[in-house]
Each structure stands twice: as C-alpha cells, then as structure tokens.
Amino acid sequence: MAKTKKNRHIGEGLSDYVRRRRAADPDYARLHDEQFDKVQLARRIRALRQTQKLSQNDLAEVTGTTQSAIARLESGRFAPRLDVLQRVARALGKRLDVRLIPVPQS
C-alpha cells in the first residue's frame, strides 16, 4: 500500500494560513496587502451602490461605462483607474480621497 502524505493545511483556518504565510514570506505579505486593498475597495463600491438601490446597469449609465466594467470593478480582481474611480464616486455622491500613508516597518 502506498504511503500518503498528510496535508498540513487540513483543519487550518484561512486567517491562520494567511498569518503564517505573511510571517514567513515578505513578498506574500506585500502581495496579500495589495490584493486585500482592491477587494476592500470593491466591496465598498458594491455596498454603496446597493444602499442607493442602483443596479450595475444604472451605475454604468451614470458613469459613462458598461455594466461589465462595473462588474469587473466590483470583483476586486483588477486595479481600477483613478478616472473611473472618480466618476463612480461622483455617481454615488462621494468624493474620491487617495492617500499615501506610512507603511509600518517590519
């Protein structure tokens, strides 16, 4: 009978896995932070749109883009252009505020 390797990730929660990987690999930590920021922004935009009871089509029409572009923006998989974010913010009655903040030293 062939011996099977035990998967050390079985039973580990996602937050534990991410914490362990971030501690072991600075590149992973940097990439995780970049992706997390995009996802947080996407969730915020979707929540604002839904609060205002707008469909993706409605928001697309107001911002001069397509429904598929709004869907991509809300997916969090792509970094949106600033001009698109400014149009979306205006359409949602918000002002875009882009900041450069200090990064904690490791």
C-alpha atoms as a PDB file:
ATOM      1  CA  MET A   1       0.000   0.000   0.000  1.00  0.00           C
ATOM      2  CA  ALA A   2       1.348   3.450  -0.943  1.00  0.00           C
ATOM      3  CA  LYS A   3       2.023   5.822   1.891  1.00  0.00           C
ATOM      4  CA  THR A   4       0.090   9.092   1.596  1.00  0.00           C
ATOM      5  CA  LYS A   5       1.418  12.423   2.752  1.00  0.00           C
ATOM      6  CA  LYS A   6      -0.633  14.266   5.325  1.00  0.00           C
ATOM      7  CA  ASN A   7      -1.745  17.719   4.179  1.00  0.00           C
ATOM      8  CA  ARG A   8      -0.651  20.129   6.913  1.00  0.00           C
ATOM      9  CA  HIS A   9      -3.250  22.688   5.772  1.00  0.00           C
ATOM     10  CA  ILE A  10      -6.238  20.458   6.560  1.00  0.00           C
ATOM     11  CA  GLY A  11      -8.006  21.850   9.603  1.00  0.00           C
ATOM     12  CA  GLU A  12      -6.231  25.197   9.362  1.00  0.00           C
ATOM     13  CA  GLY A  13      -8.404  28.299   9.081  1.00  0.00           C
ATOM     14  CA  LEU A  14      -7.796  30.866   6.346  1.00  0.00           C
ATOM     15  CA  SER A  15      -6.731  33.570   8.795  1.00  0.00           C
ATOM     16  CA  ASP A  16      -4.201  31.164  10.374  1.00  0.00           C
ATOM     17  CA  TYR A  17      -2.836  30.247   6.946  1.00  0.00           C
ATOM     18  CA  VAL A  18      -2.514  33.907   5.886  1.00  0.00           C
ATOM     19  CA  ARG A  19      -0.863  34.869   9.189  1.00  0.00           C
ATOM     20  CA  ARG A  20       1.659  32.026   8.845  1.00  0.00           C
ATOM     21  CA  ARG A  21       2.439  32.834   5.194  1.00  0.00           C
ATOM     22  CA  ARG A  22       2.794  36.580   5.909  1.00  0.00           C
ATOM     23  CA  ALA A  23       5.279  35.864   8.703  1.00  0.00           C
ATOM     24  CA  ALA A  24       7.336  33.517   6.529  1.00  0.00           C
ATOM     25  CA  ASP A  25       7.360  35.444   3.246  1.00  0.00           C
ATOM     26  CA  PRO A  26       7.612  39.261   2.919  1.00  0.00           C
ATOM     27  CA  ASP A  27       6.653  39.096  -0.782  1.00  0.00           C
ATOM     28  CA  TYR A  28       3.490  37.205   0.089  1.00  0.00           C
ATOM     29  CA  ALA A  29       2.664  39.810   2.737  1.00  0.00           C
ATOM     30  CA  ARG A  30       3.091  42.680   0.244  1.00  0.00           C
ATOM     31  CA  LEU A  31       1.020  40.971  -2.457  1.00  0.00           C
ATOM     32  CA  HIS A  32      -1.671  39.984   0.043  1.00  0.00           C
ATOM     33  CA  ASP A  33      -1.984  43.594   1.214  1.00  0.00           C
ATOM     34  CA  GLU A  34      -2.279  44.864  -2.366  1.00  0.00           C
ATOM     35  CA  GLN A  35      -4.984  42.326  -3.215  1.00  0.00           C
ATOM     36  CA  PHE A  36      -6.810  42.911   0.064  1.00  0.00           C
ATOM     37  CA  ASP A  37      -6.946  46.662  -0.643  1.00  0.00           C
ATOM     38  CA  LYS A  38      -8.544  46.030  -4.058  1.00  0.00           C
ATOM     39  CA  VAL A  39     -11.109  43.675  -2.562  1.00  0.00           C
ATOM     40  CA  GLN A  40     -11.967  46.126   0.233  1.00  0.00           C
ATOM     41  CA  LEU A  41     -12.468  48.918  -2.315  1.00  0.00           C
ATOM     42  CA  ALA A  42     -14.640  46.681  -4.495  1.00  0.00           C
ATOM     43  CA  ARG A  43     -16.823  45.687  -1.532  1.00  0.00           C
ATOM     44  CA  ARG A  44     -17.224  49.329  -0.510  1.00  0.00           C
ATOM     45  CA  ILE A  45     -18.310  50.365  -4.008  1.00  0.00           C
ATOM     46  CA  ARG A  46     -20.794  47.491  -4.259  1.00  0.00           C
ATOM     47  CA  ALA A  47     -22.219  48.266  -0.808  1.00  0.00           C
ATOM     48  CA  LEU A  48     -22.668  51.961  -1.670  1.00  0.00           C
ATOM     49  CA  ARG A  49     -24.338  51.068  -4.971  1.00  0.00           C
ATOM     50  CA  GLN A  50     -26.700  48.609  -3.299  1.00  0.00           C
ATOM     51  CA  THR A  51     -27.520  51.048  -0.475  1.00  0.00           C
ATOM     52  CA  GLN A  52     -28.607  53.548  -3.103  1.00  0.00           C
ATOM     53  CA  LYS A  53     -30.641  50.807  -4.800  1.00  0.00           C
ATOM     54  CA  LEU A  54     -28.740  51.154  -8.069  1.00  0.00           C
ATOM     55  CA  SER A  55     -28.146  48.250 -10.398  1.00  0.00           C
ATOM     56  CA  GLN A  56     -24.805  47.777 -12.098  1.00  0.00           C
ATOM     57  CA  ASN A  57     -26.513  48.971 -15.288  1.00  0.00           C
ATOM     58  CA  ASP A  58     -27.739  52.138 -13.532  1.00  0.00           C
ATOM     59  CA  LEU A  59     -24.264  52.939 -12.217  1.00  0.00           C
ATOM     60  CA  ALA A  60     -22.688  52.196 -15.580  1.00  0.00           C
ATOM     61  CA  GLU A  61     -25.070  54.554 -17.349  1.00  0.00           C
ATOM     62  CA  VAL A  62     -24.381  57.414 -14.915  1.00  0.00           C
ATOM     63  CA  THR A  63     -20.605  56.911 -15.089  1.00  0.00           C
ATOM     64  CA  GLY A  64     -20.468  56.510 -18.871  1.00  0.00           C
ATOM     65  CA  THR A  65     -19.192  52.955 -18.861  1.00  0.00           C
ATOM     66  CA  THR A  66     -20.612  49.456 -19.289  1.00  0.00           C
ATOM     67  CA  GLN A  67     -22.250  47.071 -16.846  1.00  0.00           C
ATOM     68  CA  SER A  68     -19.401  44.605 -17.395  1.00  0.00           C
ATOM     69  CA  ALA A  69     -16.867  47.298 -16.403  1.00  0.00           C
ATOM     70  CA  ILE A  70     -18.791  47.869 -13.153  1.00  0.00           C
ATOM     71  CA  ALA A  71     -18.890  44.094 -12.547  1.00  0.00           C
ATOM     72  CA  ARG A  72     -15.103  43.897 -13.060  1.00  0.00           C
ATOM     73  CA  LEU A  73     -14.608  46.819 -10.677  1.00  0.00           C
ATOM     74  CA  GLU A  74     -16.796  45.163  -8.037  1.00  0.00           C
ATOM     75  CA  SER A  75     -14.999  41.814  -8.431  1.00  0.00           C
ATOM     76  CA  GLY A  76     -11.862  43.237  -6.822  1.00  0.00           C
ATOM     77  CA  ARG A  77      -9.644  41.304  -9.215  1.00  0.00           C
ATOM     78  CA  PHE A  78      -8.479  44.341 -11.172  1.00  0.00           C
ATOM     79  CA  ALA A  79      -6.956  47.639 -10.111  1.00  0.00           C
ATOM     80  CA  PRO A  80      -9.310  50.383 -11.336  1.00  0.00           C
ATOM     81  CA  ARG A  81      -8.048  53.544 -12.993  1.00  0.00           C
ATOM     82  CA  LEU A  82      -8.340  56.731 -10.947  1.00  0.00           C
ATOM     83  CA  ASP A  83     -10.557  58.465 -13.509  1.00  0.00           C
ATOM     84  CA  VAL A  84     -13.028  55.565 -13.319  1.00  0.00           C
ATOM     85  CA  LEU A  85     -12.995  55.703  -9.515  1.00  0.00           C
ATOM     86  CA  GLN A  86     -13.634  59.460  -9.617  1.00  0.00           C
ATOM     87  CA  ARG A  87     -16.659  59.004 -11.894  1.00  0.00           C
ATOM     88  CA  VAL A  88     -18.012  56.172  -9.733  1.00  0.00           C
ATOM     89  CA  ALA A  89     -17.509  58.207  -6.548  1.00  0.00           C
ATOM     90  CA  ARG A  90     -19.348  61.191  -8.046  1.00  0.00           C
ATOM     91  CA  ALA A  91     -22.186  58.963  -9.229  1.00  0.00           C
ATOM     92  CA  LEU A  92     -22.517  57.579  -5.697  1.00  0.00           C
ATOM     93  CA  GLY A  93     -22.494  61.048  -4.153  1.00  0.00           C
ATOM     94  CA  LYS A  94     -18.994  60.653  -2.760  1.00  0.00           C
ATOM     95  CA  ARG A  95     -15.598  62.260  -3.212  1.00  0.00           C
ATOM     96  CA  LEU A  96     -12.548  60.154  -4.001  1.00  0.00           C
ATOM     97  CA  ASP A  97      -9.750  60.532  -1.439  1.00  0.00           C
ATOM     98  CA  VAL A  98      -6.455  58.897  -2.405  1.00  0.00           C
ATOM     99  CA  ARG A  99      -3.750  58.943   0.260  1.00  0.00           C
ATOM    100  CA  LEU A 100      -0.192  57.777   0.663  1.00  0.00           C
ATOM    101  CA  ILE A 101       0.279  56.577   4.221  1.00  0.00           C
ATOM    102  CA  PRO A 102       3.372  55.292   6.016  1.00  0.00           C
ATOM    103  CA  VAL A 103       3.931  51.553   5.968  1.00  0.00           C
ATOM    104  CA  PRO A 104       4.880  50.013   9.308  1.00  0.00           C
ATOM    105  CA  GLN A 105       8.490  48.804   9.309  1.00  0.00           C
ATOM    106  CA  SER A 106       8.887  45.067   9.836  1.00  0.00           C
END
